[in-house]
Amino acid sequence: KLLMEEGRTSAEDAVDLVQFTKIINQTCEEEQKRDILEGLWAIAYAD
């Protein structure tokens, strides 16, 4: 619940997406990035 709230607040306050993708690029493997990408599509198609 806290992560969801913080994620929404961070997205609203962000000037760009680079600050988030930079963290992911520094710490995640390709498979984790693909999981994130699938999550993005799942949310886009949810409605």
All heavy atoms as atom14 arrays in JSON, in Angstrom:
{
  "sequence": "KLLMEEGRTSAEDAVDLVQFTKIINQTCEEEQKRDILEGLWAIAYAD",
  "atom14_mask": [
    [1, 1, 1, 1, 1, 1, 1, 1, 1, 0, 0, 0, 0, 0],
    [1, 1, 1, 1, 1, 1, 1, 1, 0, 0, 0, 0, 0, 0],
    [1, 1, 1, 1, 1, 1, 1, 1, 0, 0, 0, 0, 0, 0],
    [1, 1, 1, 1, 1, 1, 1, 1, 0, 0, 0, 0, 0, 0],
    [1, 1, 1, 1, 1, 1, 1, 1, 1, 0, 0, 0, 0, 0],
    [1, 1, 1, 1, 1, 1, 1, 1, 1, 0, 0, 0, 0, 0],
    [1, 1, 1, 1, 0, 0, 0, 0, 0, 0, 0, 0, 0, 0],
    [1, 1, 1, 1, 1, 1, 1, 1, 1, 1, 1, 0, 0, 0],
    [1, 1, 1, 1, 1, 1, 1, 0, 0, 0, 0, 0, 0, 0],
    [1, 1, 1, 1, 1, 1, 0, 0, 0, 0, 0, 0, 0, 0],
    [1, 1, 1, 1, 1, 0, 0, 0, 0, 0, 0, 0, 0, 0],
    [1, 1, 1, 1, 1, 1, 1, 1, 1, 0, 0, 0, 0, 0],
    [1, 1, 1, 1, 1, 1, 1, 1, 0, 0, 0, 0, 0, 0],
    [1, 1, 1, 1, 1, 0, 0, 0, 0, 0, 0, 0, 0, 0],
    [1, 1, 1, 1, 1, 1, 1, 0, 0, 0, 0, 0, 0, 0],
    [1, 1, 1, 1, 1, 1, 1, 1, 0, 0, 0, 0, 0, 0],
    [1, 1, 1, 1, 1, 1, 1, 1, 0, 0, 0, 0, 0, 0],
    [1, 1, 1, 1, 1, 1, 1, 0, 0, 0, 0, 0, 0, 0],
    [1, 1, 1, 1, 1, 1, 1, 1, 1, 0, 0, 0, 0, 0],
    [1, 1, 1, 1, 1, 1, 1, 1, 1, 1, 1, 0, 0, 0],
    [1, 1, 1, 1, 1, 1, 1, 0, 0, 0, 0, 0, 0, 0],
    [1, 1, 1, 1, 1, 1, 1, 1, 1, 0, 0, 0, 0, 0],
    [1, 1, 1, 1, 1, 1, 1, 1, 0, 0, 0, 0, 0, 0],
    [1, 1, 1, 1, 1, 1, 1, 1, 0, 0, 0, 0, 0, 0],
    [1, 1, 1, 1, 1, 1, 1, 1, 0, 0, 0, 0, 0, 0],
    [1, 1, 1, 1, 1, 1, 1, 1, 1, 0, 0, 0, 0, 0],
    [1, 1, 1, 1, 1, 1, 1, 0, 0, 0, 0, 0, 0, 0],
    [1, 1, 1, 1, 1, 1, 0, 0, 0, 0, 0, 0, 0, 0],
    [1, 1, 1, 1, 1, 1, 1, 1, 1, 0, 0, 0, 0, 0],
    [1, 1, 1, 1, 1, 1, 1, 1, 1, 0, 0, 0, 0, 0],
    [1, 1, 1, 1, 1, 1, 1, 1, 1, 0, 0, 0, 0, 0],
    [1, 1, 1, 1, 1, 1, 1, 1, 1, 0, 0, 0, 0, 0],
    [1, 1, 1, 1, 1, 1, 1, 1, 1, 0, 0, 0, 0, 0],
    [1, 1, 1, 1, 1, 1, 1, 1, 1, 1, 1, 0, 0, 0],
    [1, 1, 1, 1, 1, 1, 1, 1, 0, 0, 0, 0, 0, 0],
    [1, 1, 1, 1, 1, 1, 1, 1, 0, 0, 0, 0, 0, 0],
    [1, 1, 1, 1, 1, 1, 1, 1, 0, 0, 0, 0, 0, 0],
    [1, 1, 1, 1, 1, 1, 1, 1, 1, 0, 0, 0, 0, 0],
    [1, 1, 1, 1, 0, 0, 0, 0, 0, 0, 0, 0, 0, 0],
    [1, 1, 1, 1, 1, 1, 1, 1, 0, 0, 0, 0, 0, 0],
    [1, 1, 1, 1, 1, 1, 1, 1, 1, 1, 1, 1, 1, 1],
    [1, 1, 1, 1, 1, 0, 0, 0, 0, 0, 0, 0, 0, 0],
    [1, 1, 1, 1, 1, 1, 1, 1, 0, 0, 0, 0, 0, 0],
    [1, 1, 1, 1, 1, 0, 0, 0, 0, 0, 0, 0, 0, 0],
    [1, 1, 1, 1, 1, 1, 1, 1, 1, 1, 1, 1, 0, 0],
    [1, 1, 1, 1, 1, 0, 0, 0, 0, 0, 0, 0, 0, 0],
    [1, 1, 1, 1, 1, 1, 1, 1, 0, 0, 0, 0, 0, 0]
  ],
  "atom14_positions": [
    [[0.84, -1.21, 0.0], [0.0, 0.0, 0.0], [0.87, 1.26, 0.0], [0.63, 2.19, -0.77], [-0.93, 0.0, 1.21], [-1.88, 1.15, 1.25], [-2.81, 1.05, 2.45], [-3.73, 2.26, 2.49], [-4.61, 2.25, 3.64], [0.0, 0.0, 0.0], [0.0, 0.0, 0.0], [0.0, 0.0, 0.0], [0.0, 0.0, 0.0], [0.0, 0.0, 0.0]],
    [[1.89, 1.26, 0.84], [2.81, 2.4, 0.9], [3.55, 2.59, -0.42], [3.68, 3.72, -0.91], [3.8, 2.22, 2.05], [4.8, 3.35, 2.25], [4.09, 4.65, 2.6], [5.79, 2.98, 3.35], [0.0, 0.0, 0.0], [0.0, 0.0, 0.0], [0.0, 0.0, 0.0], [0.0, 0.0, 0.0], [0.0, 0.0, 0.0], [0.0, 0.0, 0.0]],
    [[4.02, 1.5, -1.02], [4.73, 1.58, -2.3], [3.81, 2.13, -3.38], [4.23, 2.96, -4.19], [5.27, 0.2, -2.7], [6.02, 0.16, -4.04], [7.24, 1.08, -4.03], [6.43, -1.27, -4.36], [0.0, 0.0, 0.0], [0.0, 0.0, 0.0], [0.0, 0.0, 0.0], [0.0, 0.0, 0.0], [0.0, 0.0, 0.0], [0.0, 0.0, 0.0]],
    [[2.57, 1.67, -3.41], [1.63, 2.18, -4.4], [1.42, 3.69, -4.25], [1.43, 4.43, -5.24], [0.29, 1.45, -4.28], [0.34, 0.0, -4.73], [-1.19, -0.89, -4.41], [-2.35, 0.0, -5.44], [0.0, 0.0, 0.0], [0.0, 0.0, 0.0], [0.0, 0.0, 0.0], [0.0, 0.0, 0.0], [0.0, 0.0, 0.0], [0.0, 0.0, 0.0]],
    [[1.27, 4.14, -3.03], [1.07, 5.57, -2.77], [2.31, 6.37, -3.14], [2.22, 7.42, -3.8], [0.71, 5.8, -1.31], [-0.66, 5.29, -0.93], [-0.92, 5.3, 0.58], [-0.07, 5.83, 1.34], [-1.96, 4.76, 0.99], [0.0, 0.0, 0.0], [0.0, 0.0, 0.0], [0.0, 0.0, 0.0], [0.0, 0.0, 0.0], [0.0, 0.0, 0.0]],
    [[3.47, 5.87, -2.73], [4.73, 6.56, -3.03], [5.01, 6.58, -4.53], [5.51, 7.56, -5.08], [5.9, 5.92, -2.29], [5.91, 6.2, -0.81], [6.12, 7.67, -0.48], [6.95, 8.34, -1.12], [5.41, 8.16, 0.42], [0.0, 0.0, 0.0], [0.0, 0.0, 0.0], [0.0, 0.0, 0.0], [0.0, 0.0, 0.0], [0.0, 0.0, 0.0]],
    [[4.68, 5.48, -5.21], [4.88, 5.41, -6.65], [4.02, 6.43, -7.38], [4.5, 7.12, -8.3], [0.0, 0.0, 0.0], [0.0, 0.0, 0.0], [0.0, 0.0, 0.0], [0.0, 0.0, 0.0], [0.0, 0.0, 0.0], [0.0, 0.0, 0.0], [0.0, 0.0, 0.0], [0.0, 0.0, 0.0], [0.0, 0.0, 0.0], [0.0, 0.0, 0.0]],
    [[2.78, 6.55, -6.96], [1.88, 7.53, -7.59], [2.36, 8.96, -7.31], [2.37, 9.8, -8.2], [0.45, 7.32, -7.1], [-0.12, 6.0, -7.63], [-1.52, 5.78, -7.21], [-2.38, 6.63, -8.05], [-3.69, 6.68, -7.92], [-4.3, 5.96, -7.02], [-4.41, 7.46, -8.71], [0.0, 0.0, 0.0], [0.0, 0.0, 0.0], [0.0, 0.0, 0.0]],
    [[2.77, 9.22, -6.08], [3.25, 10.55, -5.73], [4.53, 10.89, -6.5], [4.68, 12.0, -7.02], [3.5, 10.65, -4.21], [2.29, 10.38, -3.52], [4.01, 12.02, -3.82], [0.0, 0.0, 0.0], [0.0, 0.0, 0.0], [0.0, 0.0, 0.0], [0.0, 0.0, 0.0], [0.0, 0.0, 0.0], [0.0, 0.0, 0.0], [0.0, 0.0, 0.0]],
    [[5.44, 9.93, -6.57], [6.7, 10.15, -7.29], [6.45, 10.44, -8.76], [7.09, 11.31, -9.35], [7.62, 8.95, -7.15], [8.04, 8.8, -5.82], [0.0, 0.0, 0.0], [0.0, 0.0, 0.0], [0.0, 0.0, 0.0], [0.0, 0.0, 0.0], [0.0, 0.0, 0.0], [0.0, 0.0, 0.0], [0.0, 0.0, 0.0], [0.0, 0.0, 0.0]],
    [[5.52, 9.7, -9.36], [5.2, 9.92, -10.78], [4.58, 11.3, -10.99], [4.91, 11.99, -11.96], [4.24, 8.84, -11.28], [0.0, 0.0, 0.0], [0.0, 0.0, 0.0], [0.0, 0.0, 0.0], [0.0, 0.0, 0.0], [0.0, 0.0, 0.0], [0.0, 0.0, 0.0], [0.0, 0.0, 0.0], [0.0, 0.0, 0.0], [0.0, 0.0, 0.0]],
    [[3.72, 11.7, -10.08], [3.1, 13.03, -10.2], [4.1, 14.15, -10.04], [4.01, 15.18, -10.7], [1.98, 13.18, -9.16], [0.77, 12.33, -9.45], [-0.23, 12.29, -8.31], [-0.06, 13.04, -7.32], [-1.19, 11.51, -8.39], [0.0, 0.0, 0.0], [0.0, 0.0, 0.0], [0.0, 0.0, 0.0], [0.0, 0.0, 0.0], [0.0, 0.0, 0.0]],
    [[5.09, 13.97, -9.15], [6.08, 15.0, -8.87], [7.24, 15.02, -9.86], [8.0, 15.99, -9.9], [6.64, 14.83, -7.46], [5.6, 15.06, -6.38], [4.54, 15.65, -6.68], [5.83, 14.64, -5.23], [0.0, 0.0, 0.0], [0.0, 0.0, 0.0], [0.0, 0.0, 0.0], [0.0, 0.0, 0.0], [0.0, 0.0, 0.0], [0.0, 0.0, 0.0]],
    [[7.39, 13.96, -10.64], [8.56, 13.82, -11.51], [8.51, 14.79, -12.69], [7.44, 15.06, -13.25], [8.65, 12.4, -12.03], [0.0, 0.0, 0.0], [0.0, 0.0, 0.0], [0.0, 0.0, 0.0], [0.0, 0.0, 0.0], [0.0, 0.0, 0.0], [0.0, 0.0, 0.0], [0.0, 0.0, 0.0], [0.0, 0.0, 0.0], [0.0, 0.0, 0.0]],
    [[9.67, 15.26, -13.06], [9.82, 16.11, -14.22], [9.99, 15.26, -15.48], [9.53, 15.61, -16.55], [11.03, 17.06, -14.05], [11.25, 17.9, -15.29], [10.83, 17.93, -12.83], [0.0, 0.0, 0.0], [0.0, 0.0, 0.0], [0.0, 0.0, 0.0], [0.0, 0.0, 0.0], [0.0, 0.0, 0.0], [0.0, 0.0, 0.0], [0.0, 0.0, 0.0]],
    [[10.65, 14.12, -15.31], [10.88, 13.21, -16.43], [10.92, 11.77, -15.91], [10.83, 11.53, -14.72], [12.16, 13.56, -17.19], [13.41, 13.46, -16.33], [13.4, 12.72, -15.32], [14.41, 14.12, -16.66], [0.0, 0.0, 0.0], [0.0, 0.0, 0.0], [0.0, 0.0, 0.0], [0.0, 0.0, 0.0], [0.0, 0.0, 0.0], [0.0, 0.0, 0.0]],
    [[11.07, 10.85, -16.83], [11.1, 9.43, -16.48], [12.52, 8.91, -16.29], [12.7, 7.8, -15.78], [10.39, 8.61, -17.57], [8.93, 8.97, -17.82], [8.39, 8.22, -19.03], [8.1, 8.7, -16.59], [0.0, 0.0, 0.0], [0.0, 0.0, 0.0], [0.0, 0.0, 0.0], [0.0, 0.0, 0.0], [0.0, 0.0, 0.0], [0.0, 0.0, 0.0]],
    [[13.51, 9.68, -16.69], [14.9, 9.24, -16.65], [15.34, 8.89, -15.24], [16.06, 7.92, -15.03], [15.83, 10.3, -17.29], [17.29, 9.93, -17.11], [15.48, 10.47, -18.75], [0.0, 0.0, 0.0], [0.0, 0.0, 0.0], [0.0, 0.0, 0.0], [0.0, 0.0, 0.0], [0.0, 0.0, 0.0], [0.0, 0.0, 0.0], [0.0, 0.0, 0.0]],
    [[14.9, 9.65, -14.26], [15.31, 9.37, -12.88], [14.89, 7.97, -12.44], [15.57, 7.34, -11.64], [14.75, 10.43, -11.93], [13.24, 10.51, -11.92], [12.72, 11.68, -11.12], [13.16, 11.87, -9.99], [11.81, 12.45, -11.69], [0.0, 0.0, 0.0], [0.0, 0.0, 0.0], [0.0, 0.0, 0.0], [0.0, 0.0, 0.0], [0.0, 0.0, 0.0]],
    [[13.79, 7.47, -12.97], [13.32, 6.13, -12.62], [13.99, 5.05, -13.47], [14.43, 4.02, -12.96], [11.8, 6.04, -12.76], [11.08, 7.11, -12.0], [10.27, 8.02, -12.65], [11.22, 7.21, -10.62], [9.6, 9.02, -11.94], [10.56, 8.2, -9.91], [9.75, 9.11, -10.58], [0.0, 0.0, 0.0], [0.0, 0.0, 0.0], [0.0, 0.0, 0.0]],
    [[14.08, 5.3, -14.77], [14.69, 4.3, -15.65], [16.18, 4.14, -15.38], [16.73, 3.05, -15.56], [14.45, 4.64, -17.14], [14.97, 5.93, -17.42], [12.96, 4.58, -17.47], [0.0, 0.0, 0.0], [0.0, 0.0, 0.0], [0.0, 0.0, 0.0], [0.0, 0.0, 0.0], [0.0, 0.0, 0.0], [0.0, 0.0, 0.0], [0.0, 0.0, 0.0]],
    [[16.81, 5.21, -14.92], [18.24, 5.14, -14.6], [18.49, 4.14, -13.48], [19.42, 3.32, -13.55], [18.75, 6.53, -14.2], [20.22, 6.59, -13.91], [20.65, 8.01, -13.58], [22.13, 8.06, -13.27], [22.55, 9.42, -12.91], [0.0, 0.0, 0.0], [0.0, 0.0, 0.0], [0.0, 0.0, 0.0], [0.0, 0.0, 0.0], [0.0, 0.0, 0.0]],
    [[17.67, 4.18, -12.45], [17.79, 3.24, -11.32], [17.61, 1.8, -11.81], [18.37, 0.9, -11.46], [16.74, 3.54, -10.23], [16.93, 4.95, -9.67], [16.75, 2.49, -9.14], [18.2, 5.17, -8.92], [0.0, 0.0, 0.0], [0.0, 0.0, 0.0], [0.0, 0.0, 0.0], [0.0, 0.0, 0.0], [0.0, 0.0, 0.0], [0.0, 0.0, 0.0]],
    [[16.6, 1.59, -12.63], [16.31, 0.25, -13.15], [17.46, -0.23, -14.04], [17.9, -1.37, -13.93], [14.96, 0.23, -13.88], [13.84, 0.45, -12.85], [14.76, -1.07, -14.65], [12.48, 0.72, -13.44], [0.0, 0.0, 0.0], [0.0, 0.0, 0.0], [0.0, 0.0, 0.0], [0.0, 0.0, 0.0], [0.0, 0.0, 0.0], [0.0, 0.0, 0.0]],
    [[17.96, 0.65, -14.9], [19.08, 0.27, -15.77], [20.33, -0.1, -14.98], [21.08, -0.98, -15.38], [19.39, 1.39, -16.76], [18.39, 1.45, -17.89], [17.81, 0.45, -18.29], [18.18, 2.65, -18.39], [0.0, 0.0, 0.0], [0.0, 0.0, 0.0], [0.0, 0.0, 0.0], [0.0, 0.0, 0.0], [0.0, 0.0, 0.0], [0.0, 0.0, 0.0]],
    [[20.55, 0.56, -13.86], [21.73, 0.3, -13.06], [21.63, -0.99, -12.26], [22.65, -1.57, -11.91], [21.98, 1.46, -12.09], [22.44, 2.72, -12.77], [22.52, 3.91, -11.8], [21.97, 3.87, -10.71], [23.2, 4.94, -12.22], [0.0, 0.0, 0.0], [0.0, 0.0, 0.0], [0.0, 0.0, 0.0], [0.0, 0.0, 0.0], [0.0, 0.0, 0.0]],
    [[20.43, -1.45, -11.96], [20.29, -2.56, -11.03], [19.57, -3.79, -11.58], [19.67, -4.86, -10.98], [19.57, -2.11, -9.75], [18.3, -1.58, -10.1], [20.36, -1.07, -9.0], [0.0, 0.0, 0.0], [0.0, 0.0, 0.0], [0.0, 0.0, 0.0], [0.0, 0.0, 0.0], [0.0, 0.0, 0.0], [0.0, 0.0, 0.0], [0.0, 0.0, 0.0]],
    [[18.88, -3.67, -12.68], [18.05, -4.78, -13.17], [18.64, -5.46, -14.39], [19.28, -4.82, -15.23], [16.64, -4.29, -13.52], [15.71, -3.76, -12.09], [0.0, 0.0, 0.0], [0.0, 0.0, 0.0], [0.0, 0.0, 0.0], [0.0, 0.0, 0.0], [0.0, 0.0, 0.0], [0.0, 0.0, 0.0], [0.0, 0.0, 0.0], [0.0, 0.0, 0.0]],
    [[18.39, -6.76, -14.47], [18.76, -7.55, -15.64], [17.68, -7.41, -16.71], [16.59, -6.9, -16.44], [18.89, -9.03, -15.24], [19.91, -9.3, -14.16], [21.34, -9.04, -14.6], [21.63, -9.25, -15.8], [22.15, -8.62, -13.76], [0.0, 0.0, 0.0], [0.0, 0.0, 0.0], [0.0, 0.0, 0.0], [0.0, 0.0, 0.0], [0.0, 0.0, 0.0]],
    [[17.97, -7.91, -17.91], [17.02, -7.81, -19.03], [15.67, -8.45, -18.7], [14.63, -7.91, -19.06], [17.61, -8.45, -20.29], [18.79, -7.68, -20.86], [18.45, -6.23, -21.22], [17.39, -5.99, -21.82], [19.25, -5.36, -20.88], [0.0, 0.0, 0.0], [0.0, 0.0, 0.0], [0.0, 0.0, 0.0], [0.0, 0.0, 0.0], [0.0, 0.0, 0.0]],
    [[15.7, -9.58, -18.03], [14.45, -10.28, -17.69], [13.57, -9.42, -16.78], [12.34, -9.36, -16.95], [14.75, -11.62, -17.03], [13.5, -12.44, -16.77], [13.83, -13.81, -16.19], [14.91, -14.35, -16.49], [13.0, -14.32, -15.43], [0.0, 0.0, 0.0], [0.0, 0.0, 0.0], [0.0, 0.0, 0.0], [0.0, 0.0, 0.0], [0.0, 0.0, 0.0]],
    [[14.18, -8.75, -15.82], [13.42, -7.88, -14.92], [12.84, -6.7, -15.68], [11.7, -6.28, -15.42], [14.32, -7.37, -13.79], [14.75, -8.48, -12.84], [15.86, -8.01, -11.92], [16.92, -7.6, -12.37], [15.59, -8.04, -10.63], [0.0, 0.0, 0.0], [0.0, 0.0, 0.0], [0.0, 0.0, 0.0], [0.0, 0.0, 0.0], [0.0, 0.0, 0.0]],
    [[13.59, -6.18, -16.64], [13.09, -5.08, -17.46], [11.89, -5.53, -18.3], [10.92, -4.8, -18.46], [14.19, -4.53, -18.37], [15.29, -3.81, -17.64], [16.33, -3.32, -18.63], [17.51, -2.69, -17.96], [18.49, -2.19, -18.94], [0.0, 0.0, 0.0], [0.0, 0.0, 0.0], [0.0, 0.0, 0.0], [0.0, 0.0, 0.0], [0.0, 0.0, 0.0]],
    [[11.96, -6.75, -18.83], [10.84, -7.28, -19.6], [9.61, -7.48, -18.72], [8.48, -7.23, -19.15], [11.24, -8.58, -20.3], [12.14, -8.36, -21.5], [12.29, -9.61, -22.34], [12.98, -10.67, -21.64], [14.28, -10.93, -21.74], [15.03, -10.2, -22.53], [14.82, -11.91, -21.06], [0.0, 0.0, 0.0], [0.0, 0.0, 0.0], [0.0, 0.0, 0.0]],
    [[9.82, -7.89, -17.46], [8.69, -8.01, -16.52], [8.04, -6.65, -16.27], [6.81, -6.55, -16.22], [9.16, -8.6, -15.19], [9.51, -10.07, -15.28], [9.11, -10.74, -16.27], [10.2, -10.56, -14.36], [0.0, 0.0, 0.0], [0.0, 0.0, 0.0], [0.0, 0.0, 0.0], [0.0, 0.0, 0.0], [0.0, 0.0, 0.0], [0.0, 0.0, 0.0]],
    [[8.86, -5.64, -16.13], [8.33, -4.29, -15.94], [7.54, -3.87, -17.18], [6.43, -3.33, -17.07], [9.47, -3.29, -15.64], [10.08, -3.59, -14.27], [8.96, -1.84, -15.72], [11.38, -2.85, -13.99], [0.0, 0.0, 0.0], [0.0, 0.0, 0.0], [0.0, 0.0, 0.0], [0.0, 0.0, 0.0], [0.0, 0.0, 0.0], [0.0, 0.0, 0.0]],
    [[8.09, -4.15, -18.35], [7.42, -3.81, -19.6], [6.07, -4.51, -19.71], [5.07, -3.89, -20.1], [8.33, -4.17, -20.78], [7.93, -3.66, -22.15], [7.84, -2.15, -22.17], [8.94, -4.13, -23.18], [0.0, 0.0, 0.0], [0.0, 0.0, 0.0], [0.0, 0.0, 0.0], [0.0, 0.0, 0.0], [0.0, 0.0, 0.0], [0.0, 0.0, 0.0]],
    [[6.01, -5.77, -19.33], [4.73, -6.48, -19.34], [3.75, -5.86, -18.35], [2.55, -5.79, -18.62], [4.94, -7.97, -19.05], [5.51, -8.71, -20.23], [5.6, -10.21, -20.02], [4.92, -10.74, -19.1], [6.33, -10.86, -20.79], [0.0, 0.0, 0.0], [0.0, 0.0, 0.0], [0.0, 0.0, 0.0], [0.0, 0.0, 0.0], [0.0, 0.0, 0.0]],
    [[4.25, -5.41, -17.21], [3.4, -4.73, -16.25], [2.82, -3.45, -16.82], [1.64, -3.12, -16.59], [0.0, 0.0, 0.0], [0.0, 0.0, 0.0], [0.0, 0.0, 0.0], [0.0, 0.0, 0.0], [0.0, 0.0, 0.0], [0.0, 0.0, 0.0], [0.0, 0.0, 0.0], [0.0, 0.0, 0.0], [0.0, 0.0, 0.0], [0.0, 0.0, 0.0]],
    [[3.63, -2.72, -17.56], [3.15, -1.48, -18.2], [2.01, -1.79, -19.17], [0.98, -1.11, -19.17], [4.31, -0.79, -18.93], [5.48, -0.3, -18.09], [6.64, 0.14, -18.98], [5.06, 0.81, -17.15], [0.0, 0.0, 0.0], [0.0, 0.0, 0.0], [0.0, 0.0, 0.0], [0.0, 0.0, 0.0], [0.0, 0.0, 0.0], [0.0, 0.0, 0.0]],
    [[2.21, -2.83, -19.98], [1.17, -3.22, -20.93], [-0.09, -3.72, -20.21], [-1.21, -3.42, -20.62], [1.67, -4.29, -21.9], [2.57, -3.77, -22.97], [3.89, -4.08, -23.15], [2.24, -2.84, -24.01], [4.38, -3.4, -24.25], [3.39, -2.64, -24.79], [1.06, -2.17, -24.36], [3.41, -1.79, -25.89], [1.08, -1.31, -25.45], [2.24, -1.13, -26.2]],
    [[0.1, -4.48, -19.14], [-1.05, -5.0, -18.39], [-1.9, -3.86, -17.85], [-3.14, -3.92, -17.89], [-0.57, -5.9, -17.25], [0.0, 0.0, 0.0], [0.0, 0.0, 0.0], [0.0, 0.0, 0.0], [0.0, 0.0, 0.0], [0.0, 0.0, 0.0], [0.0, 0.0, 0.0], [0.0, 0.0, 0.0], [0.0, 0.0, 0.0], [0.0, 0.0, 0.0]],
    [[-1.27, -2.82, -17.36], [-2.02, -1.67, -16.85], [-2.7, -0.93, -17.99], [-3.87, -0.54, -17.89], [-1.1, -0.74, -16.04], [-0.71, -1.44, -14.73], [-1.79, 0.6, -15.75], [0.37, -0.76, -13.96], [0.0, 0.0, 0.0], [0.0, 0.0, 0.0], [0.0, 0.0, 0.0], [0.0, 0.0, 0.0], [0.0, 0.0, 0.0], [0.0, 0.0, 0.0]],
    [[-2.0, -0.77, -19.1], [-2.59, -0.07, -20.25], [-3.81, -0.8, -20.79], [-4.8, -0.17, -21.18], [-1.54, 0.08, -21.35], [0.0, 0.0, 0.0], [0.0, 0.0, 0.0], [0.0, 0.0, 0.0], [0.0, 0.0, 0.0], [0.0, 0.0, 0.0], [0.0, 0.0, 0.0], [0.0, 0.0, 0.0], [0.0, 0.0, 0.0], [0.0, 0.0, 0.0]],
    [[-3.78, -2.13, -20.78], [-4.9, -2.93, -21.29], [-5.96, -3.23, -20.23], [-7.01, -3.79, -20.53], [-4.39, -4.25, -21.86], [-3.84, -4.16, -23.25], [-2.53, -4.54, -23.53], [-4.63, -3.72, -24.31], [-2.02, -4.48, -24.82], [-4.13, -3.64, -25.6], [-2.83, -4.02, -25.85], [-2.34, -3.95, -27.13], [0.0, 0.0, 0.0], [0.0, 0.0, 0.0]],
    [[-5.71, -2.87, -18.98], [-6.62, -3.24, -17.89], [-8.04, -2.72, -18.08], [-9.0, -3.37, -17.68], [-6.06, -2.76, -16.54], [0.0, 0.0, 0.0], [0.0, 0.0, 0.0], [0.0, 0.0, 0.0], [0.0, 0.0, 0.0], [0.0, 0.0, 0.0], [0.0, 0.0, 0.0], [0.0, 0.0, 0.0], [0.0, 0.0, 0.0], [0.0, 0.0, 0.0]],
    [[-8.18, -1.56, -18.7], [-9.52, -1.0, -18.9], [-10.1, -1.36, -20.26], [-11.08, -0.78, -20.72], [-9.5, 0.52, -18.7], [-8.55, 1.23, -19.66], [-7.91, 0.56, -20.5], [-8.44, 2.47, -19.56], [0.0, 0.0, 0.0], [0.0, 0.0, 0.0], [0.0, 0.0, 0.0], [0.0, 0.0, 0.0], [0.0, 0.0, 0.0], [0.0, 0.0, 0.0]]
  ]
}
